[in-house]
Amino acid sequence: MTSTASAVRAGFKGGPGVGCRALAVTPGPMSTDEILAAVGAGVFVQSVSGLHSGVNPVSGDFSVGADGLMIRDGQLAEPVREMTVASTIQRMLLDTIAVGDTLEWLPGAAAGVTLAIDGMSISGS
């Protein structure tokens, strides 16, 4: 077969496998401030942990630890730590209600934009 250039390696000892590099979401029309104002009340997730063990690559189910800030009256408020965010990747994509206009490159050869996602399950203190 002709190569599709879709293989990646986890390290120099491992063989190639299916994967991608430089994954990015196309920026949308809204600024982060506009998204926060539209959300009104919610949680602004700034970091997640446990992706290596909290995501089922077959079903798309995930449950990961997260840290972030509360959103109150469309403004960022107090910090929240040690919460758990759970859903499915499919549901998360279907429930995306706004996409931010600023693309930020993240560690690990991926880029992100601010997303507003309705209906995420969040628990913790």
PDB file of N, CA and C in Angstrom:
ATOM      1  N   MET A   1       0.847  -1.185   0.000  1.00  0.00           N
ATOM      2  CA  MET A   1       0.000   0.000   0.000  1.00  0.00           C
ATOM      3  C   MET A   1       0.889   1.243   0.000  1.00  0.00           C
ATOM      4  N   THR A   2       0.369   2.295  -0.530  1.00  0.00           N
ATOM      5  CA  THR A   2       1.050   3.581  -0.502  1.00  0.00           C
ATOM      6  C   THR A   2       0.904   4.183   0.889  1.00  0.00           C
ATOM      7  N   SER A   3       1.978   4.766   1.393  1.00  0.00           N
ATOM      8  CA  SER A   3       1.948   5.365   2.720  1.00  0.00           C
ATOM      9  C   SER A   3       0.986   6.541   2.763  1.00  0.00           C
ATOM     10  N   THR A   4       0.249   6.642   3.882  1.00  0.00           N
ATOM     11  CA  THR A   4      -0.629   7.793   4.120  1.00  0.00           C
ATOM     12  C   THR A   4       0.011   8.793   5.073  1.00  0.00           C
ATOM     13  N   ALA A   5       1.227   8.460   5.551  1.00  0.00           N
ATOM     14  CA  ALA A   5       1.957   9.307   6.498  1.00  0.00           C
ATOM     15  C   ALA A   5       1.187   9.470   7.808  1.00  0.00           C
ATOM     16  N   SER A   6       0.433   8.442   8.201  1.00  0.00           N
ATOM     17  CA  SER A   6      -0.385   8.512   9.406  1.00  0.00           C
ATOM     18  C   SER A   6       0.207   7.726  10.571  1.00  0.00           C
ATOM     19  N   ALA A   7       1.458   7.306  10.465  1.00  0.00           N
ATOM     20  CA  ALA A   7       2.069   6.526  11.535  1.00  0.00           C
ATOM     21  C   ALA A   7       2.873   7.425  12.469  1.00  0.00           C
ATOM     22  N   VAL A   8       2.874   7.058  13.742  1.00  0.00           N
ATOM     23  CA  VAL A   8       3.681   7.753  14.748  1.00  0.00           C
ATOM     24  C   VAL A   8       4.363   6.693  15.611  1.00  0.00           C
ATOM     25  N   ARG A   9       5.392   7.119  16.312  1.00  0.00           N
ATOM     26  CA  ARG A   9       6.075   6.231  17.244  1.00  0.00           C
ATOM     27  C   ARG A   9       6.053   6.875  18.619  1.00  0.00           C
ATOM     28  N   ALA A  10       5.788   6.072  19.630  1.00  0.00           N
ATOM     29  CA  ALA A  10       5.760   6.580  20.999  1.00  0.00           C
ATOM     30  C   ALA A  10       7.172   6.852  21.517  1.00  0.00           C
ATOM     31  N   GLY A  11       8.149   6.195  20.968  1.00  0.00           N
ATOM     32  CA  GLY A  11       9.537   6.373  21.385  1.00  0.00           C
ATOM     33  C   GLY A  11      10.452   5.628  20.440  1.00  0.00           C
ATOM     34  N   PHE A  12      11.750   5.758  20.668  1.00  0.00           N
ATOM     35  CA  PHE A  12      12.696   5.146  19.746  1.00  0.00           C
ATOM     36  C   PHE A  12      12.695   3.626  19.819  1.00  0.00           C
ATOM     37  N   LYS A  13      12.222   3.043  20.926  1.00  0.00           N
ATOM     38  CA  LYS A  13      12.186   1.584  21.058  1.00  0.00           C
ATOM     39  C   LYS A  13      10.937   0.963  20.446  1.00  0.00           C
ATOM     40  N   GLY A  14       9.876   1.735  20.302  1.00  0.00           N
ATOM     41  CA  GLY A  14       8.613   1.195  19.799  1.00  0.00           C
ATOM     42  C   GLY A  14       8.509   1.263  18.295  1.00  0.00           C
ATOM     43  N   GLY A  15       7.680   0.406  17.756  1.00  0.00           N
ATOM     44  CA  GLY A  15       7.407   0.426  16.326  1.00  0.00           C
ATOM     45  C   GLY A  15       6.355   1.464  15.991  1.00  0.00           C
ATOM     46  N   PRO A  16       6.175   1.736  14.720  1.00  0.00           N
ATOM     47  CA  PRO A  16       5.154   2.713  14.327  1.00  0.00           C
ATOM     48  C   PRO A  16       3.747   2.170  14.529  1.00  0.00           C
ATOM     49  N   GLY A  17       2.829   3.082  14.774  1.00  0.00           N
ATOM     50  CA  GLY A  17       1.424   2.743  14.920  1.00  0.00           C
ATOM     51  C   GLY A  17       0.564   3.857  14.350  1.00  0.00           C
ATOM     52  N   VAL A  18      -0.718   3.629  14.276  1.00  0.00           N
ATOM     53  CA  VAL A  18      -1.634   4.630  13.742  1.00  0.00           C
ATOM     54  C   VAL A  18      -1.690   5.810  14.700  1.00  0.00           C
ATOM     55  N   GLY A  19      -1.639   7.012  14.196  1.00  0.00           N
ATOM     56  CA  GLY A  19      -1.701   8.198  15.029  1.00  0.00           C
ATOM     57  C   GLY A  19      -1.601   9.448  14.192  1.00  0.00           C
ATOM     58  N   CYS A  20      -1.488  10.591  14.864  1.00  0.00           N
ATOM     59  CA  CYS A  20      -1.376  11.859  14.149  1.00  0.00           C
ATOM     60  C   CYS A  20      -0.458  12.786  14.929  1.00  0.00           C
ATOM     61  N   ARG A  21       0.041  13.769  14.250  1.00  0.00           N
ATOM     62  CA  ARG A  21       0.845  14.827  14.842  1.00  0.00           C
ATOM     63  C   ARG A  21       0.294  16.162  14.352  1.00  0.00           C
ATOM     64  N   ALA A  22       0.547  17.196  15.110  1.00  0.00           N
ATOM     65  CA  ALA A  22       0.119  18.553  14.752  1.00  0.00           C
ATOM     66  C   ALA A  22      -1.394  18.628  14.556  1.00  0.00           C
ATOM     67  N   LEU A  23      -2.133  18.020  15.476  1.00  0.00           N
ATOM     68  CA  LEU A  23      -3.591  18.050  15.440  1.00  0.00           C
ATOM     69  C   LEU A  23      -4.079  19.402  15.941  1.00  0.00           C
ATOM     70  N   ALA A  24      -4.987  20.022  15.217  1.00  0.00           N
ATOM     71  CA  ALA A  24      -5.510  21.329  15.607  1.00  0.00           C
ATOM     72  C   ALA A  24      -6.991  21.427  15.271  1.00  0.00           C
ATOM     73  N   VAL A  25      -7.726  22.167  16.088  1.00  0.00           N
ATOM     74  CA  VAL A  25      -9.121  22.483  15.813  1.00  0.00           C
ATOM     75  C   VAL A  25      -9.131  23.827  15.089  1.00  0.00           C
ATOM     76  N   THR A  26      -9.880  23.922  14.015  1.00  0.00           N
ATOM     77  CA  THR A  26      -9.960  25.176  13.270  1.00  0.00           C
ATOM     78  C   THR A  26     -10.613  26.243  14.139  1.00  0.00           C
ATOM     79  N   PRO A  27      -9.963  27.405  14.295  1.00  0.00           N
ATOM     80  CA  PRO A  27     -10.547  28.469  15.119  1.00  0.00           C
ATOM     81  C   PRO A  27     -11.912  28.898  14.605  1.00  0.00           C
ATOM     82  N   GLY A  28     -12.740  29.321  15.544  1.00  0.00           N
ATOM     83  CA  GLY A  28     -14.093  29.768  15.212  1.00  0.00           C
ATOM     84  C   GLY A  28     -14.201  31.281  15.270  1.00  0.00           C
ATOM     85  N   PRO A  29     -15.419  31.801  15.346  1.00  0.00           N
ATOM     86  CA  PRO A  29     -15.640  33.245  15.250  1.00  0.00           C
ATOM     87  C   PRO A  29     -15.636  34.009  16.579  1.00  0.00           C
ATOM     88  N   MET A  30     -15.640  33.305  17.736  1.00  0.00           N
ATOM     89  CA  MET A  30     -15.845  34.000  19.011  1.00  0.00           C
ATOM     90  C   MET A  30     -14.551  34.153  19.803  1.00  0.00           C
ATOM     91  N   SER A  31     -14.403  35.306  20.457  1.00  0.00           N
ATOM     92  CA  SER A  31     -13.273  35.499  21.369  1.00  0.00           C
ATOM     93  C   SER A  31     -13.560  34.738  22.669  1.00  0.00           C
ATOM     94  N   THR A  32     -12.523  34.523  23.458  1.00  0.00           N
ATOM     95  CA  THR A  32     -12.708  33.849  24.743  1.00  0.00           C
ATOM     96  C   THR A  32     -13.675  34.636  25.622  1.00  0.00           C
ATOM     97  N   ASP A  33     -13.569  35.956  25.642  1.00  0.00           N
ATOM     98  CA  ASP A  33     -14.487  36.778  26.448  1.00  0.00           C
ATOM     99  C   ASP A  33     -15.938  36.619  25.986  1.00  0.00           C
ATOM    100  N   GLU A  34     -16.160  36.524  24.681  1.00  0.00           N
ATOM    101  CA  GLU A  34     -17.511  36.326  24.159  1.00  0.00           C
ATOM    102  C   GLU A  34     -18.058  34.958  24.563  1.00  0.00           C
ATOM    103  N   ILE A  35     -17.187  33.942  24.551  1.00  0.00           N
ATOM    104  CA  ILE A  35     -17.616  32.602  24.962  1.00  0.00           C
ATOM    105  C   ILE A  35     -17.964  32.593  26.440  1.00  0.00           C
ATOM    106  N   LEU A  36     -17.126  33.205  27.276  1.00  0.00           N
ATOM    107  CA  LEU A  36     -17.409  33.265  28.719  1.00  0.00           C
ATOM    108  C   LEU A  36     -18.737  33.972  28.975  1.00  0.00           C
ATOM    109  N   ALA A  37     -18.990  35.065  28.271  1.00  0.00           N
ATOM    110  CA  ALA A  37     -20.247  35.801  28.440  1.00  0.00           C
ATOM    111  C   ALA A  37     -21.439  34.943  28.017  1.00  0.00           C
ATOM    112  N   ALA A  38     -21.282  34.179  26.936  1.00  0.00           N
ATOM    113  CA  ALA A  38     -22.377  33.322  26.458  1.00  0.00           C
ATOM    114  C   ALA A  38     -22.643  32.172  27.423  1.00  0.00           C
ATOM    115  N   VAL A  39     -21.586  31.638  28.051  1.00  0.00           N
ATOM    116  CA  VAL A  39     -21.749  30.540  29.013  1.00  0.00           C
ATOM    117  C   VAL A  39     -22.453  31.036  30.266  1.00  0.00           C
ATOM    118  N   GLY A  40     -22.044  32.173  30.766  1.00  0.00           N
ATOM    119  CA  GLY A  40     -22.673  32.732  31.967  1.00  0.00           C
ATOM    120  C   GLY A  40     -22.192  32.082  33.240  1.00  0.00           C
ATOM    121  N   ALA A  41     -22.498  30.802  33.443  1.00  0.00           N
ATOM    122  CA  ALA A  41     -22.083  30.062  34.640  1.00  0.00           C
ATOM    123  C   ALA A  41     -21.600  28.678  34.208  1.00  0.00           C
ATOM    124  N   GLY A  42     -20.430  28.295  34.701  1.00  0.00           N
ATOM    125  CA  GLY A  42     -19.865  26.993  34.347  1.00  0.00           C
ATOM    126  C   GLY A  42     -18.470  26.844  34.892  1.00  0.00           C
ATOM    127  N   VAL A  43     -17.695  25.991  34.256  1.00  0.00           N
ATOM    128  CA  VAL A  43     -16.314  25.741  34.661  1.00  0.00           C
ATOM    129  C   VAL A  43     -15.421  25.909  33.440  1.00  0.00           C
ATOM    130  N   PHE A  44     -14.341  26.656  33.606  1.00  0.00           N
ATOM    131  CA  PHE A  44     -13.332  26.851  32.569  1.00  0.00           C
ATOM    132  C   PHE A  44     -12.184  25.893  32.889  1.00  0.00           C
ATOM    133  N   VAL A  45     -12.109  24.782  32.162  1.00  0.00           N
ATOM    134  CA  VAL A  45     -11.082  23.768  32.415  1.00  0.00           C
ATOM    135  C   VAL A  45      -9.776  24.238  31.805  1.00  0.00           C
ATOM    136  N   GLN A  46      -8.727  24.306  32.642  1.00  0.00           N
ATOM    137  CA  GLN A  46      -7.418  24.762  32.174  1.00  0.00           C
ATOM    138  C   GLN A  46      -6.419  23.628  31.974  1.00  0.00           C
ATOM    139  N   SER A  47      -6.598  22.532  32.700  1.00  0.00           N
ATOM    140  CA  SER A  47      -5.685  21.389  32.526  1.00  0.00           C
ATOM    141  C   SER A  47      -6.400  20.109  32.918  1.00  0.00           C
ATOM    142  N   VAL A  48      -5.983  19.018  32.292  1.00  0.00           N
ATOM    143  CA  VAL A  48      -6.514  17.699  32.610  1.00  0.00           C
ATOM    144  C   VAL A  48      -5.354  16.758  32.890  1.00  0.00           C
ATOM    145  N   SER A  49      -5.629  15.729  33.676  1.00  0.00           N
ATOM    146  CA  SER A  49      -4.612  14.717  33.971  1.00  0.00           C
ATOM    147  C   SER A  49      -5.261  13.345  33.903  1.00  0.00           C
ATOM    148  N   GLY A  50      -4.451  12.338  33.646  1.00  0.00           N
ATOM    149  CA  GLY A  50      -4.957  10.981  33.590  1.00  0.00           C
ATOM    150  C   GLY A  50      -5.406  10.546  32.217  1.00  0.00           C
ATOM    151  N   LEU A  51      -5.003  11.284  31.175  1.00  0.00           N
ATOM    152  CA  LEU A  51      -5.405  10.897  29.824  1.00  0.00           C
ATOM    153  C   LEU A  51      -4.869   9.527  29.444  1.00  0.00           C
ATOM    154  N   HIS A  52      -3.726   9.155  29.999  1.00  0.00           N
ATOM    155  CA  HIS A  52      -3.119   7.864  29.666  1.00  0.00           C
ATOM    156  C   HIS A  52      -3.938   6.690  30.193  1.00  0.00           C
ATOM    157  N   SER A  53      -4.722   6.913  31.247  1.00  0.00           N
ATOM    158  CA  SER A  53      -5.476   5.801  31.821  1.00  0.00           C
ATOM    159  C   SER A  53      -6.973   6.057  31.892  1.00  0.00           C
ATOM    160  N   GLY A  54      -7.413   7.282  31.660  1.00  0.00           N
ATOM    161  CA  GLY A  54      -8.821   7.613  31.845  1.00  0.00           C
ATOM    162  C   GLY A  54      -9.646   7.676  30.581  1.00  0.00           C
ATOM    163  N   VAL A  55      -9.048   7.296  29.428  1.00  0.00           N
ATOM    164  CA  VAL A  55      -9.774   7.369  28.160  1.00  0.00           C
ATOM    165  C   VAL A  55      -9.827   5.986  27.528  1.00  0.00           C
ATOM    166  N   ASN A  56     -11.015   5.558  27.127  1.00  0.00           N
ATOM    167  CA  ASN A  56     -11.168   4.293  26.428  1.00  0.00           C
ATOM    168  C   ASN A  56     -11.122   4.582  24.932  1.00  0.00           C
ATOM    169  N   PRO A  57     -10.045   4.168  24.233  1.00  0.00           N
ATOM    170  CA  PRO A  57      -9.910   4.510  22.814  1.00  0.00           C
ATOM    171  C   PRO A  57     -10.918   3.804  21.912  1.00  0.00           C
ATOM    172  N   VAL A  58     -11.563   2.766  22.390  1.00  0.00           N
ATOM    173  CA  VAL A  58     -12.545   2.038  21.577  1.00  0.00           C
ATOM    174  C   VAL A  58     -13.918   2.693  21.681  1.00  0.00           C
ATOM    175  N   SER A  59     -14.395   2.931  22.910  1.00  0.00           N
ATOM    176  CA  SER A  59     -15.740   3.473  23.105  1.00  0.00           C
ATOM    177  C   SER A  59     -15.781   5.000  23.096  1.00  0.00           C
ATOM    178  N   GLY A  60     -14.649   5.648  23.396  1.00  0.00           N
ATOM    179  CA  GLY A  60     -14.630   7.103  23.495  1.00  0.00           C
ATOM    180  C   GLY A  60     -14.979   7.622  24.874  1.00  0.00           C
ATOM    181  N   ASP A  61     -15.315   6.720  25.817  1.00  0.00           N
ATOM    182  CA  ASP A  61     -15.608   7.134  27.194  1.00  0.00           C
ATOM    183  C   ASP A  61     -14.352   7.683  27.847  1.00  0.00           C
ATOM    184  N   PHE A  62     -14.515   8.716  28.660  1.00  0.00           N
ATOM    185  CA  PHE A  62     -13.373   9.206  29.418  1.00  0.00           C
ATOM    186  C   PHE A  62     -13.822   9.768  30.758  1.00  0.00           C
ATOM    187  N   SER A  63     -12.918   9.701  31.706  1.00  0.00           N
ATOM    188  CA  SER A  63     -13.089  10.285  33.030  1.00  0.00           C
ATOM    189  C   SER A  63     -11.685  10.681  33.480  1.00  0.00           C
ATOM    190  N   VAL A  64     -11.442  11.979  33.549  1.00  0.00           N
ATOM    191  CA  VAL A  64     -10.099  12.481  33.845  1.00  0.00           C
ATOM    192  C   VAL A  64     -10.148  13.536  34.936  1.00  0.00           C
ATOM    193  N   GLY A  65      -9.035  13.717  35.611  1.00  0.00           N
ATOM    194  CA  GLY A  65      -8.908  14.781  36.593  1.00  0.00           C
ATOM    195  C   GLY A  65      -8.731  16.112  35.881  1.00  0.00           C
ATOM    196  N   ALA A  66      -9.189  17.187  36.514  1.00  0.00           N
ATOM    197  CA  ALA A  66      -9.083  18.501  35.887  1.00  0.00           C
ATOM    198  C   ALA A  66      -8.926  19.591  36.931  1.00  0.00           C
ATOM    199  N   ASP A  67      -8.349  20.706  36.513  1.00  0.00           N
ATOM    200  CA  ASP A  67      -8.230  21.931  37.303  1.00  0.00           C
ATOM    201  C   ASP A  67      -8.708  23.077  36.425  1.00  0.00           C
ATOM    202  N   GLY A  68      -9.196  24.136  37.048  1.00  0.00           N
ATOM    203  CA  GLY A  68      -9.633  25.274  36.253  1.00  0.00           C
ATOM    204  C   GLY A  68     -10.176  26.397  37.102  1.00  0.00           C
ATOM    205  N   LEU A  69     -11.074  27.157  36.535  1.00  0.00           N
ATOM    206  CA  LEU A  69     -11.676  28.310  37.198  1.00  0.00           C
ATOM    207  C   LEU A  69     -13.195  28.259  37.016  1.00  0.00           C
ATOM    208  N   MET A  70     -13.900  28.704  38.019  1.00  0.00           N
ATOM    209  CA  MET A  70     -15.354  28.843  37.892  1.00  0.00           C
ATOM    210  C   MET A  70     -15.653  30.012  36.956  1.00  0.00           C
ATOM    211  N   ILE A  71     -16.764  29.916  36.240  1.00  0.00           N
ATOM    212  CA  ILE A  71     -17.277  31.024  35.443  1.00  0.00           C
ATOM    213  C   ILE A  71     -18.548  31.495  36.137  1.00  0.00           C
ATOM    214  N   ARG A  72     -18.564  32.756  36.547  1.00  0.00           N
ATOM    215  CA  ARG A  72     -19.729  33.338  37.217  1.00  0.00           C
ATOM    216  C   ARG A  72     -20.082  34.646  36.511  1.00  0.00           C
ATOM    217  N   ASP A  73     -21.321  34.773  36.100  1.00  0.00           N
ATOM    218  CA  ASP A  73     -21.790  35.971  35.394  1.00  0.00           C
ATOM    219  C   ASP A  73     -20.905  36.309  34.199  1.00  0.00           C
ATOM    220  N   GLY A  74     -20.427  35.273  33.482  1.00  0.00           N
ATOM    221  CA  GLY A  74     -19.624  35.484  32.280  1.00  0.00           C
ATOM    222  C   GLY A  74     -18.189  35.898  32.531  1.00  0.00           C
ATOM    223  N   GLN A  75     -17.751  35.816  33.790  1.00  0.00           N
ATOM    224  CA  GLN A  75     -16.378  36.211  34.153  1.00  0.00           C
ATOM    225  C   GLN A  75     -15.678  35.053  34.851  1.00  0.00           C
ATOM    226  N   LEU A  76     -14.354  34.957  34.666  1.00  0.00           N
ATOM    227  CA  LEU A  76     -13.587  33.950  35.388  1.00  0.00           C
ATOM    228  C   LEU A  76     -13.560  34.313  36.868  1.00  0.00           C
ATOM    229  N   ALA A  77     -13.772  33.315  37.728  1.00  0.00           N
ATOM    230  CA  ALA A  77     -13.855  33.537  39.173  1.00  0.00           C
ATOM    231  C   ALA A  77     -12.826  32.656  39.884  1.00  0.00           C
ATOM    232  N   GLU A  78     -13.197  32.091  41.021  1.00  0.00           N
ATOM    233  CA  GLU A  78     -12.257  31.368  41.881  1.00  0.00           C
ATOM    234  C   GLU A  78     -11.768  30.058  41.244  1.00  0.00           C
ATOM    235  N   PRO A  79     -10.564  29.637  41.632  1.00  0.00           N
ATOM    236  CA  PRO A  79     -10.019  28.385  41.092  1.00  0.00           C
ATOM    237  C   PRO A  79     -10.721  27.155  41.663  1.00  0.00           C
ATOM    238  N   VAL A  80     -10.755  26.100  40.849  1.00  0.00           N
ATOM    239  CA  VAL A  80     -11.265  24.801  41.286  1.00  0.00           C
ATOM    240  C   VAL A  80     -10.191  23.768  40.970  1.00  0.00           C
ATOM    241  N   ARG A  81      -9.958  22.885  41.934  1.00  0.00           N
ATOM    242  CA  ARG A  81      -8.943  21.846  41.753  1.00  0.00           C
ATOM    243  C   ARG A  81      -9.549  20.495  42.063  1.00  0.00           C
ATOM    244  N   GLU A  82      -8.870  19.478  41.562  1.00  0.00           N
ATOM    245  CA  GLU A  82      -9.216  18.091  41.880  1.00  0.00           C
ATOM    246  C   GLU A  82     -10.665  17.742  41.548  1.00  0.00           C
ATOM    247  N   MET A  83     -11.133  18.204  40.409  1.00  0.00           N
ATOM    248  CA  MET A  83     -12.458  17.796  39.951  1.00  0.00           C
ATOM    249  C   MET A  83     -12.273  16.690  38.912  1.00  0.00           C
ATOM    250  N   THR A  84     -13.340  15.993  38.616  1.00  0.00           N
ATOM    251  CA  THR A  84     -13.334  14.957  37.597  1.00  0.00           C
ATOM    252  C   THR A  84     -14.298  15.371  36.491  1.00  0.00           C
ATOM    253  N   VAL A  85     -13.845  15.265  35.259  1.00  0.00           N
ATOM    254  CA  VAL A  85     -14.665  15.574  34.085  1.00  0.00           C
ATOM    255  C   VAL A  85     -14.885  14.267  33.341  1.00  0.00           C
ATOM    256  N   ALA A  86     -16.130  13.955  33.014  1.00  0.00           N
ATOM    257  CA  ALA A  86     -16.445  12.691  32.354  1.00  0.00           C
ATOM    258  C   ALA A  86     -17.470  12.900  31.246  1.00  0.00           C
ATOM    259  N   SER A  87     -17.326  12.145  30.185  1.00  0.00           N
ATOM    260  CA  SER A  87     -18.270  12.153  29.069  1.00  0.00           C
ATOM    261  C   SER A  87     -17.788  11.118  28.066  1.00  0.00           C
ATOM    262  N   THR A  88     -18.182  11.289  26.827  1.00  0.00           N
ATOM    263  CA  THR A  88     -17.604  10.526  25.725  1.00  0.00           C
ATOM    264  C   THR A  88     -17.083  11.544  24.717  1.00  0.00           C
ATOM    265  N   ILE A  89     -16.087  11.152  23.972  1.00  0.00           N
ATOM    266  CA  ILE A  89     -15.543  12.062  22.966  1.00  0.00           C
ATOM    267  C   ILE A  89     -16.619  12.402  21.940  1.00  0.00           C
ATOM    268  N   GLN A  90     -17.428  11.422  21.567  1.00  0.00           N
ATOM    269  CA  GLN A  90     -18.487  11.667  20.595  1.00  0.00           C
ATOM    270  C   GLN A  90     -19.491  12.698  21.113  1.00  0.00           C
ATOM    271  N   ARG A  91     -19.938  12.542  22.376  1.00  0.00           N
ATOM    272  CA  ARG A  91     -20.904  13.463  22.975  1.00  0.00           C
ATOM    273  C   ARG A  91     -20.295  14.856  23.097  1.00  0.00           C
ATOM    274  N   MET A  92     -19.015  14.926  23.469  1.00  0.00           N
ATOM    275  CA  MET A  92     -18.341  16.208  23.608  1.00  0.00           C
ATOM    276  C   MET A  92     -18.323  16.957  22.269  1.00  0.00           C
ATOM    277  N   LEU A  93     -18.025  16.254  21.189  1.00  0.00           N
ATOM    278  CA  LEU A  93     -18.017  16.891  19.871  1.00  0.00           C
ATOM    279  C   LEU A  93     -19.423  17.335  19.461  1.00  0.00           C
ATOM    280  N   LEU A  94     -20.430  16.510  19.732  1.00  0.00           N
ATOM    281  CA  LEU A  94     -21.803  16.866  19.385  1.00  0.00           C
ATOM    282  C   LEU A  94     -22.325  18.039  20.202  1.00  0.00           C
ATOM    283  N   ASP A  95     -21.863  18.165  21.458  1.00  0.00           N
ATOM    284  CA  ASP A  95     -22.372  19.196  22.363  1.00  0.00           C
ATOM    285  C   ASP A  95     -21.520  20.466  22.387  1.00  0.00           C
ATOM    286  N   THR A  96     -20.584  20.613  21.451  1.00  0.00           N
ATOM    287  CA  THR A  96     -19.791  21.847  21.355  1.00  0.00           C
ATOM    288  C   THR A  96     -20.705  22.950  20.840  1.00  0.00           C
ATOM    289  N   ILE A  97     -20.834  24.021  21.638  1.00  0.00           N
ATOM    290  CA  ILE A  97     -21.754  25.105  21.262  1.00  0.00           C
ATOM    291  C   ILE A  97     -21.035  26.365  20.809  1.00  0.00           C
ATOM    292  N   ALA A  98     -19.717  26.466  21.070  1.00  0.00           N
ATOM    293  CA  ALA A  98     -18.948  27.634  20.621  1.00  0.00           C
ATOM    294  C   ALA A  98     -17.481  27.251  20.485  1.00  0.00           C
ATOM    295  N   VAL A  99     -16.830  27.841  19.482  1.00  0.00           N
ATOM    296  CA  VAL A  99     -15.416  27.605  19.226  1.00  0.00           C
ATOM    297  C   VAL A  99     -14.711  28.950  19.212  1.00  0.00           C
ATOM    298  N   GLY A 100     -13.633  29.053  19.993  1.00  0.00           N
ATOM    299  CA  GLY A 100     -12.891  30.304  20.109  1.00  0.00           C
ATOM    300  C   GLY A 100     -12.046  30.632  18.888  1.00  0.00           C
ATOM    301  N   ASP A 101     -11.620  31.887  18.811  1.00  0.00           N
ATOM    302  CA  ASP A 101     -10.881  32.366  17.642  1.00  0.00           C
ATOM    303  C   ASP A 101      -9.365  32.361  17.793  1.00  0.00           C
ATOM    304  N   THR A 102      -8.858  31.958  18.949  1.00  0.00           N
ATOM    305  CA  THR A 102      -7.416  32.003  19.175  1.00  0.00           C
ATOM    306  C   THR A 102      -6.849  30.593  19.266  1.00  0.00           C
ATOM    307  N   LEU A 103      -5.959  30.249  18.352  1.00  0.00           N
ATOM    308  CA  LEU A 103      -5.315  28.941  18.319  1.00  0.00           C
ATOM    309  C   LEU A 103      -4.039  28.990  19.153  1.00  0.00           C
ATOM    310  N   GLU A 104      -3.909  28.067  20.112  1.00  0.00           N
ATOM    311  CA  GLU A 104      -2.721  28.012  20.972  1.00  0.00           C
ATOM    312  C   GLU A 104      -2.082  26.635  20.851  1.00  0.00           C
ATOM    313  N   TRP A 105      -0.796  26.597  20.481  1.00  0.00           N
ATOM    314  CA  TRP A 105      -0.093  25.318  20.375  1.00  0.00           C
ATOM    315  C   TRP A 105       0.239  24.810  21.761  1.00  0.00           C
ATOM    316  N   LEU A 106      -0.054  23.549  22.000  1.00  0.00           N
ATOM    317  CA  LEU A 106       0.098  22.909  23.300  1.00  0.00           C
ATOM    318  C   LEU A 106       1.260  21.922  23.267  1.00  0.00           C
ATOM    319  N   PRO A 107       1.782  21.538  24.428  1.00  0.00           N
ATOM    320  CA  PRO A 107       2.814  20.506  24.451  1.00  0.00           C
ATOM    321  C   PRO A 107       2.262  19.199  23.866  1.00  0.00           C
ATOM    322  N   GLY A 108       3.074  18.479  23.133  1.00  0.00           N
ATOM    323  CA  GLY A 108       2.635  17.204  22.589  1.00  0.00           C
ATOM    324  C   GLY A 108       2.135  17.290  21.158  1.00  0.00           C
ATOM    325  N   ALA A 109       2.526  18.321  20.432  1.00  0.00           N
ATOM    326  CA  ALA A 109       2.200  18.448  19.007  1.00  0.00           C
ATOM    327  C   ALA A 109       0.701  18.536  18.740  1.00  0.00           C
ATOM    328  N   ALA A 110      -0.002  19.303  19.533  1.00  0.00           N
ATOM    329  CA  ALA A 110      -1.419  19.553  19.300  1.00  0.00           C
ATOM    330  C   ALA A 110      -1.681  21.029  19.571  1.00  0.00           C
ATOM    331  N   ALA A 111      -2.773  21.525  19.038  1.00  0.00           N
ATOM    332  CA  ALA A 111      -3.147  22.912  19.268  1.00  0.00           C
ATOM    333  C   ALA A 111      -4.590  22.943  19.734  1.00  0.00           C
ATOM    334  N   GLY A 112      -4.910  23.941  20.519  1.00  0.00           N
ATOM    335  CA  GLY A 112      -6.264  24.028  21.049  1.00  0.00           C
ATOM    336  C   GLY A 112      -6.841  25.416  20.938  1.00  0.00           C
ATOM    337  N   VAL A 113      -8.153  25.465  20.981  1.00  0.00           N
ATOM    338  CA  VAL A 113      -8.903  26.710  21.029  1.00  0.00           C
ATOM    339  C   VAL A 113      -9.867  26.600  22.204  1.00  0.00           C
ATOM    340  N   THR A 114     -10.386  27.715  22.649  1.00  0.00           N
ATOM    341  CA  THR A 114     -11.401  27.691  23.701  1.00  0.00           C
ATOM    342  C   THR A 114     -12.678  27.096  23.120  1.00  0.00           C
ATOM    343  N   LEU A 115     -13.222  26.096  23.816  1.00  0.00           N
ATOM    344  CA  LEU A 115     -14.470  25.460  23.405  1.00  0.00           C
ATOM    345  C   LEU A 115     -15.495  25.599  24.520  1.00  0.00           C
ATOM    346  N   ALA A 116     -16.733  25.878  24.179  1.00  0.00           N
ATOM    347  CA  ALA A 116     -17.835  25.804  25.137  1.00  0.00           C
ATOM    348  C   ALA A 116     -18.587  24.520  24.821  1.00  0.00           C
ATOM    349  N   ILE A 117     -18.671  23.628  25.828  1.00  0.00           N
ATOM    350  CA  ILE A 117     -19.309  22.332  25.631  1.00  0.00           C
ATOM    351  C   ILE A 117     -20.417  22.191  26.664  1.00  0.00           C
ATOM    352  N   ASP A 118     -21.611  21.910  26.200  1.00  0.00           N
ATOM    353  CA  ASP A 118     -22.768  21.781  27.066  1.00  0.00           C
ATOM    354  C   ASP A 118     -22.857  20.345  27.585  1.00  0.00           C
ATOM    355  N   GLY A 119     -23.335  20.173  28.817  1.00  0.00           N
ATOM    356  CA  GLY A 119     -23.681  18.858  29.319  1.00  0.00           C
ATOM    357  C   GLY A 119     -22.545  17.975  29.792  1.00  0.00           C
ATOM    358  N   MET A 120     -21.405  18.526  30.119  1.00  0.00           N
ATOM    359  CA  MET A 120     -20.302  17.712  30.648  1.00  0.00           C
ATOM    360  C   MET A 120     -20.606  17.345  32.099  1.00  0.00           C
ATOM    361  N   SER A 121     -20.236  16.131  32.503  1.00  0.00           N
ATOM    362  CA  SER A 121     -20.389  15.714  33.900  1.00  0.00           C
ATOM    363  C   SER A 121     -19.141  16.112  34.661  1.00  0.00           C
ATOM    364  N   ILE A 122     -19.333  16.883  35.733  1.00  0.00           N
ATOM    365  CA  ILE A 122     -18.219  17.356  36.556  1.00  0.00           C
ATOM    366  C   ILE A 122     -18.535  17.041  37.995  1.00  0.00           C
ATOM    367  N   SER A 123     -17.547  16.490  38.708  1.00  0.00           N
ATOM    368  CA  SER A 123     -17.736  16.212  40.125  1.00  0.00           C
ATOM    369  C   SER A 123     -16.462  16.549  40.881  1.00  0.00           C
ATOM    370  N   GLY A 124     -16.578  16.710  42.177  1.00  0.00           N
ATOM    371  CA  GLY A 124     -15.422  17.030  43.007  1.00  0.00           C
ATOM    372  C   GLY A 124     -15.696  18.219  43.893  1.00  0.00           C
ATOM    373  N   SER A 125     -14.625  18.662  44.536  1.00  0.00           N
ATOM    374  CA  SER A 125     -14.797  19.774  45.473  1.00  0.00           C
ATOM    375  C   SER A 125     -14.409  21.095  44.891  1.00  0.00           C
TER     376      SER A 125
END
